Amino acid sequence: MVLDFEMTGFPKSPGVVLLKGAAIVMDSDLNGLATFGPIVIHATEDELSHMGDFVRDMHTKTGPP
């Protein structure tokens, strides 16, 4: 299984919020068998305000979470 998460920063940073998640189930030959998501998780304006400039720029360039 491959998991992909979009977050407001690095996992151990204070105030990090999960924004979006998705998963792919794969067999032993890495063929995709099933997908889940993406699921967008609501974040408040206050939570988003803690995002660093690097992460904010990255999400701005790739589109909204």
PDB file of N, CA and C in Angstrom:
ATOM      1  N   MET A   1       0.852  -1.170   0.000  1.00  0.00           N
ATOM      2  CA  MET A   1       0.000   0.000   0.000  1.00  0.00           C
ATOM      3  C   MET A   1       0.899   1.234   0.000  1.00  0.00           C
ATOM      4  N   VAL A   2       0.522   2.193  -0.807  1.00  0.00           N
ATOM      5  CA  VAL A   2       1.219   3.473  -0.858  1.00  0.00           C
ATOM      6  C   VAL A   2       0.270   4.523  -0.287  1.00  0.00           C
ATOM      7  N   LEU A   3       0.760   5.300   0.668  1.00  0.00           N
ATOM      8  CA  LEU A   3      -0.024   6.377   1.266  1.00  0.00           C
ATOM      9  C   LEU A   3       0.586   7.711   0.865  1.00  0.00           C
ATOM     10  N   ASP A   4      -0.266   8.684   0.579  1.00  0.00           N
ATOM     11  CA  ASP A   4       0.200  10.024   0.224  1.00  0.00           C
ATOM     12  C   ASP A   4      -0.579  11.029   1.056  1.00  0.00           C
ATOM     13  N   PHE A   5       0.141  11.902   1.740  1.00  0.00           N
ATOM     14  CA  PHE A   5      -0.498  12.910   2.578  1.00  0.00           C
ATOM     15  C   PHE A   5       0.005  14.295   2.210  1.00  0.00           C
ATOM     16  N   GLU A   6      -0.904  15.248   2.169  1.00  0.00           N
ATOM     17  CA  GLU A   6      -0.569  16.664   2.029  1.00  0.00           C
ATOM     18  C   GLU A   6      -0.770  17.275   3.408  1.00  0.00           C
ATOM     19  N   MET A   7       0.253  17.956   3.904  1.00  0.00           N
ATOM     20  CA  MET A   7       0.203  18.517   5.249  1.00  0.00           C
ATOM     21  C   MET A   7       0.667  19.970   5.223  1.00  0.00           C
ATOM     22  N   THR A   8       0.465  20.658   6.347  1.00  0.00           N
ATOM     23  CA  THR A   8       0.871  22.060   6.440  1.00  0.00           C
ATOM     24  C   THR A   8       2.339  22.216   6.822  1.00  0.00           C
ATOM     25  N   GLY A   9       3.046  21.129   6.999  1.00  0.00           N
ATOM     26  CA  GLY A   9       4.463  21.179   7.369  1.00  0.00           C
ATOM     27  C   GLY A   9       4.991  19.777   7.573  1.00  0.00           C
ATOM     28  N   PHE A  10       6.163  19.681   8.172  1.00  0.00           N
ATOM     29  CA  PHE A  10       6.765  18.378   8.430  1.00  0.00           C
ATOM     30  C   PHE A  10       6.054  17.707   9.601  1.00  0.00           C
ATOM     31  N   PRO A  11       5.929  16.364   9.586  1.00  0.00           N
ATOM     32  CA  PRO A  11       5.141  15.651  10.589  1.00  0.00           C
ATOM     33  C   PRO A  11       5.455  15.986  12.049  1.00  0.00           C
ATOM     34  N   LYS A  12       6.697  16.243  12.403  1.00  0.00           N
ATOM     35  CA  LYS A  12       7.015  16.511  13.810  1.00  0.00           C
ATOM     36  C   LYS A  12       7.029  17.997  14.154  1.00  0.00           C
ATOM     37  N   SER A  13       6.657  18.841  13.207  1.00  0.00           N
ATOM     38  CA  SER A  13       6.604  20.277  13.474  1.00  0.00           C
ATOM     39  C   SER A  13       5.374  20.594  14.314  1.00  0.00           C
ATOM     40  N   PRO A  14       5.476  21.580  15.214  1.00  0.00           N
ATOM     41  CA  PRO A  14       4.298  21.941  16.016  1.00  0.00           C
ATOM     42  C   PRO A  14       3.194  22.527  15.144  1.00  0.00           C
ATOM     43  N   GLY A  15       1.954  22.167  15.446  1.00  0.00           N
ATOM     44  CA  GLY A  15       0.815  22.724  14.743  1.00  0.00           C
ATOM     45  C   GLY A  15       0.568  22.187  13.350  1.00  0.00           C
ATOM     46  N   VAL A  16       1.182  21.060  12.994  1.00  0.00           N
ATOM     47  CA  VAL A  16       0.997  20.499  11.650  1.00  0.00           C
ATOM     48  C   VAL A  16      -0.414  19.937  11.514  1.00  0.00           C
ATOM     49  N   VAL A  17      -1.041  20.207  10.370  1.00  0.00           N
ATOM     50  CA  VAL A  17      -2.402  19.763  10.100  1.00  0.00           C
ATOM     51  C   VAL A  17      -2.407  18.945   8.815  1.00  0.00           C
ATOM     52  N   LEU A  18      -3.131  17.834   8.833  1.00  0.00           N
ATOM     53  CA  LEU A  18      -3.325  17.011   7.647  1.00  0.00           C
ATOM     54  C   LEU A  18      -4.368  17.686   6.765  1.00  0.00           C
ATOM     55  N   LEU A  19      -4.044  17.889   5.478  1.00  0.00           N
ATOM     56  CA  LEU A  19      -4.948  18.564   4.551  1.00  0.00           C
ATOM     57  C   LEU A  19      -5.645  17.610   3.598  1.00  0.00           C
ATOM     58  N   LYS A  20      -4.928  16.574   3.150  1.00  0.00           N
ATOM     59  CA  LYS A  20      -5.482  15.661   2.151  1.00  0.00           C
ATOM     60  C   LYS A  20      -4.745  14.334   2.251  1.00  0.00           C
ATOM     61  N   GLY A  21      -5.461  13.234   1.992  1.00  0.00           N
ATOM     62  CA  GLY A  21      -4.829  11.919   2.007  1.00  0.00           C
ATOM     63  C   GLY A  21      -5.382  11.036   0.908  1.00  0.00           C
ATOM     64  N   ALA A  22      -4.550  10.105   0.448  1.00  0.00           N
ATOM     65  CA  ALA A  22      -4.952   9.144  -0.580  1.00  0.00           C
ATOM     66  C   ALA A  22      -4.124   7.876  -0.403  1.00  0.00           C
ATOM     67  N   ALA A  23      -4.595   6.770  -0.991  1.00  0.00           N
ATOM     68  CA  ALA A  23      -3.873   5.503  -0.888  1.00  0.00           C
ATOM     69  C   ALA A  23      -4.051   4.698  -2.169  1.00  0.00           C
ATOM     70  N   ILE A  24      -3.045   3.871  -2.469  1.00  0.00           N
ATOM     71  CA  ILE A  24      -3.113   2.909  -3.568  1.00  0.00           C
ATOM     72  C   ILE A  24      -2.731   1.549  -2.994  1.00  0.00           C
ATOM     73  N   VAL A  25      -3.586   0.552  -3.200  1.00  0.00           N
ATOM     74  CA  VAL A  25      -3.274  -0.821  -2.807  1.00  0.00           C
ATOM     75  C   VAL A  25      -2.608  -1.487  -3.998  1.00  0.00           C
ATOM     76  N   MET A  26      -1.444  -2.122  -3.753  1.00  0.00           N
ATOM     77  CA  MET A  26      -0.671  -2.726  -4.843  1.00  0.00           C
ATOM     78  C   MET A  26      -0.383  -4.189  -4.540  1.00  0.00           C
ATOM     79  N   ASP A  27      -0.189  -4.974  -5.612  1.00  0.00           N
ATOM     80  CA  ASP A  27       0.232  -6.360  -5.426  1.00  0.00           C
ATOM     81  C   ASP A  27       1.758  -6.416  -5.360  1.00  0.00           C
ATOM     82  N   SER A  28       2.309  -7.616  -5.262  1.00  0.00           N
ATOM     83  CA  SER A  28       3.760  -7.765  -5.106  1.00  0.00           C
ATOM     84  C   SER A  28       4.545  -7.322  -6.343  1.00  0.00           C
ATOM     85  N   ASP A  29       3.870  -7.187  -7.493  1.00  0.00           N
ATOM     86  CA  ASP A  29       4.524  -6.687  -8.710  1.00  0.00           C
ATOM     87  C   ASP A  29       4.299  -5.183  -8.904  1.00  0.00           C
ATOM     88  N   LEU A  30       3.763  -4.538  -7.878  1.00  0.00           N
ATOM     89  CA  LEU A  30       3.491  -3.095  -7.870  1.00  0.00           C
ATOM     90  C   LEU A  30       2.416  -2.665  -8.861  1.00  0.00           C
ATOM     91  N   ASN A  31       1.509  -3.580  -9.191  1.00  0.00           N
ATOM     92  CA  ASN A  31       0.337  -3.233  -9.995  1.00  0.00           C
ATOM     93  C   ASN A  31      -0.715  -2.639  -9.069  1.00  0.00           C
ATOM     94  N   GLY A  32      -1.296  -1.517  -9.484  1.00  0.00           N
ATOM     95  CA  GLY A  32      -2.345  -0.909  -8.677  1.00  0.00           C
ATOM     96  C   GLY A  32      -3.604  -1.757  -8.700  1.00  0.00           C
ATOM     97  N   LEU A  33      -4.113  -2.107  -7.520  1.00  0.00           N
ATOM     98  CA  LEU A  33      -5.323  -2.919  -7.413  1.00  0.00           C
ATOM     99  C   LEU A  33      -6.545  -2.087  -7.032  1.00  0.00           C
ATOM    100  N   ALA A  34      -6.336  -1.076  -6.230  1.00  0.00           N
ATOM    101  CA  ALA A  34      -7.443  -0.232  -5.783  1.00  0.00           C
ATOM    102  C   ALA A  34      -6.888   1.107  -5.328  1.00  0.00           C
ATOM    103  N   THR A  35      -7.725   2.132  -5.431  1.00  0.00           N
ATOM    104  CA  THR A  35      -7.328   3.451  -4.949  1.00  0.00           C
ATOM    105  C   THR A  35      -8.357   3.955  -3.954  1.00  0.00           C
ATOM    106  N   PHE A  36      -7.925   4.826  -3.093  1.00  0.00           N
ATOM    107  CA  PHE A  36      -8.790   5.451  -2.104  1.00  0.00           C
ATOM    108  C   PHE A  36      -8.433   6.928  -2.049  1.00  0.00           C
ATOM    109  N   GLY A  37      -9.431   7.771  -2.269  1.00  0.00           N
ATOM    110  CA  GLY A  37      -9.187   9.202  -2.155  1.00  0.00           C
ATOM    111  C   GLY A  37      -8.945   9.842  -3.501  1.00  0.00           C
ATOM    112  N   PRO A  38      -8.573  11.065  -3.521  1.00  0.00           N
ATOM    113  CA  PRO A  38      -8.124  11.840  -2.369  1.00  0.00           C
ATOM    114  C   PRO A  38      -9.285  12.328  -1.500  1.00  0.00           C
ATOM    115  N   ILE A  39      -9.017  12.362  -0.222  1.00  0.00           N
ATOM    116  CA  ILE A  39      -9.959  12.877   0.760  1.00  0.00           C
ATOM    117  C   ILE A  39      -9.405  14.207   1.262  1.00  0.00           C
ATOM    118  N   VAL A  40     -10.179  15.263   1.115  1.00  0.00           N
ATOM    119  CA  VAL A  40      -9.769  16.588   1.592  1.00  0.00           C
ATOM    120  C   VAL A  40     -10.280  16.755   3.015  1.00  0.00           C
ATOM    121  N   ILE A  41      -9.396  17.193   3.896  1.00  0.00           N
ATOM    122  CA  ILE A  41      -9.722  17.365   5.305  1.00  0.00           C
ATOM    123  C   ILE A  41      -9.767  18.861   5.597  1.00  0.00           C
ATOM    124  N   HIS A  42     -10.870  19.306   6.157  1.00  0.00           N
ATOM    125  CA  HIS A  42     -11.050  20.739   6.427  1.00  0.00           C
ATOM    126  C   HIS A  42     -10.031  21.227   7.456  1.00  0.00           C
ATOM    127  N   ALA A  43      -9.421  22.344   7.174  1.00  0.00           N
ATOM    128  CA  ALA A  43      -8.534  23.023   8.122  1.00  0.00           C
ATOM    129  C   ALA A  43      -9.067  24.436   8.333  1.00  0.00           C
ATOM    130  N   THR A  44      -8.997  24.894   9.555  1.00  0.00           N
ATOM    131  CA  THR A  44      -9.466  26.251   9.854  1.00  0.00           C
ATOM    132  C   THR A  44      -8.449  27.277   9.357  1.00  0.00           C
ATOM    133  N   GLU A  45      -8.886  28.509   9.241  1.00  0.00           N
ATOM    134  CA  GLU A  45      -7.973  29.592   8.851  1.00  0.00           C
ATOM    135  C   GLU A  45      -6.832  29.710   9.853  1.00  0.00           C
ATOM    136  N   ASP A  46      -7.130  29.511  11.138  1.00  0.00           N
ATOM    137  CA  ASP A  46      -6.084  29.580  12.162  1.00  0.00           C
ATOM    138  C   ASP A  46      -5.043  28.486  11.944  1.00  0.00           C
ATOM    139  N   GLU A  47      -5.497  27.261  11.662  1.00  0.00           N
ATOM    140  CA  GLU A  47      -4.553  26.160  11.405  1.00  0.00           C
ATOM    141  C   GLU A  47      -3.705  26.447  10.168  1.00  0.00           C
ATOM    142  N   LEU A  48      -4.327  26.959   9.119  1.00  0.00           N
ATOM    143  CA  LEU A  48      -3.592  27.265   7.891  1.00  0.00           C
ATOM    144  C   LEU A  48      -2.604  28.415   8.081  1.00  0.00           C
ATOM    145  N   SER A  49      -2.882  29.299   9.027  1.00  0.00           N
ATOM    146  CA  SER A  49      -1.995  30.446   9.247  1.00  0.00           C
ATOM    147  C   SER A  49      -0.635  30.029   9.804  1.00  0.00           C
ATOM    148  N   HIS A  50      -0.524  28.818  10.334  1.00  0.00           N
ATOM    149  CA  HIS A  50       0.745  28.322  10.881  1.00  0.00           C
ATOM    150  C   HIS A  50       1.648  27.711   9.809  1.00  0.00           C
ATOM    151  N   MET A  51       1.153  27.620   8.575  1.00  0.00           N
ATOM    152  CA  MET A  51       1.947  27.053   7.491  1.00  0.00           C
ATOM    153  C   MET A  51       3.142  27.945   7.192  1.00  0.00           C
ATOM    154  N   GLY A  52       4.306  27.343   7.038  1.00  0.00           N
ATOM    155  CA  GLY A  52       5.501  28.100   6.674  1.00  0.00           C
ATOM    156  C   GLY A  52       5.454  28.542   5.222  1.00  0.00           C
ATOM    157  N   ASP A  53       6.302  29.491   4.874  1.00  0.00           N
ATOM    158  CA  ASP A  53       6.327  30.030   3.512  1.00  0.00           C
ATOM    159  C   ASP A  53       6.617  28.958   2.469  1.00  0.00           C
ATOM    160  N   PHE A  54       7.554  28.044   2.756  1.00  0.00           N
ATOM    161  CA  PHE A  54       7.906  26.992   1.796  1.00  0.00           C
ATOM    162  C   PHE A  54       6.693  26.132   1.464  1.00  0.00           C
ATOM    163  N   VAL A  55       5.971  25.702   2.499  1.00  0.00           N
ATOM    164  CA  VAL A  55       4.801  24.835   2.290  1.00  0.00           C
ATOM    165  C   VAL A  55       3.678  25.615   1.618  1.00  0.00           C
ATOM    166  N   ARG A  56       3.457  26.861   2.036  1.00  0.00           N
ATOM    167  CA  ARG A  56       2.406  27.687   1.416  1.00  0.00           C
ATOM    168  C   ARG A  56       2.687  27.881  -0.076  1.00  0.00           C
ATOM    169  N   ASP A  57       3.942  28.181  -0.429  1.00  0.00           N
ATOM    170  CA  ASP A  57       4.314  28.342  -1.840  1.00  0.00           C
ATOM    171  C   ASP A  57       4.104  27.049  -2.617  1.00  0.00           C
ATOM    172  N   MET A  58       4.463  25.922  -2.020  1.00  0.00           N
ATOM    173  CA  MET A  58       4.306  24.628  -2.686  1.00  0.00           C
ATOM    174  C   MET A  58       2.829  24.356  -2.983  1.00  0.00           C
ATOM    175  N   HIS A  59       1.951  24.571  -1.987  1.00  0.00           N
ATOM    176  CA  HIS A  59       0.522  24.325  -2.192  1.00  0.00           C
ATOM    177  C   HIS A  59      -0.087  25.348  -3.145  1.00  0.00           C
ATOM    178  N   THR A  60       0.416  26.569  -3.150  1.00  0.00           N
ATOM    179  CA  THR A  60      -0.075  27.592  -4.075  1.00  0.00           C
ATOM    180  C   THR A  60       0.244  27.207  -5.517  1.00  0.00           C
ATOM    181  N   LYS A  61       1.437  26.678  -5.752  1.00  0.00           N
ATOM    182  CA  LYS A  61       1.849  26.287  -7.107  1.00  0.00           C
ATOM    183  C   LYS A  61       1.109  25.056  -7.612  1.00  0.00           C
ATOM    184  N   THR A  62       0.776  24.119  -6.721  1.00  0.00           N
ATOM    185  CA  THR A  62       0.154  22.862  -7.145  1.00  0.00           C
ATOM    186  C   THR A  62      -1.364  22.888  -7.048  1.00  0.00           C
ATOM    187  N   GLY A  63      -1.933  23.950  -6.537  1.00  0.00           N
ATOM    188  CA  GLY A  63      -3.379  24.043  -6.422  1.00  0.00           C
ATOM    189  C   GLY A  63      -3.827  23.813  -4.997  1.00  0.00           C
ATOM    190  N   PRO A  64      -5.096  24.088  -4.732  1.00  0.00           N
ATOM    191  CA  PRO A  64      -5.602  23.954  -3.366  1.00  0.00           C
ATOM    192  C   PRO A  64      -5.597  22.492  -2.927  1.00  0.00           C
ATOM    193  N   PRO A  65      -5.411  22.292  -1.625  1.00  0.00           N
ATOM    194  CA  PRO A  65      -5.411  20.915  -1.111  1.00  0.00           C
ATOM    195  C   PRO A  65      -6.771  20.282  -1.196  1.00  0.00           C
TER     196      PRO A  65
END
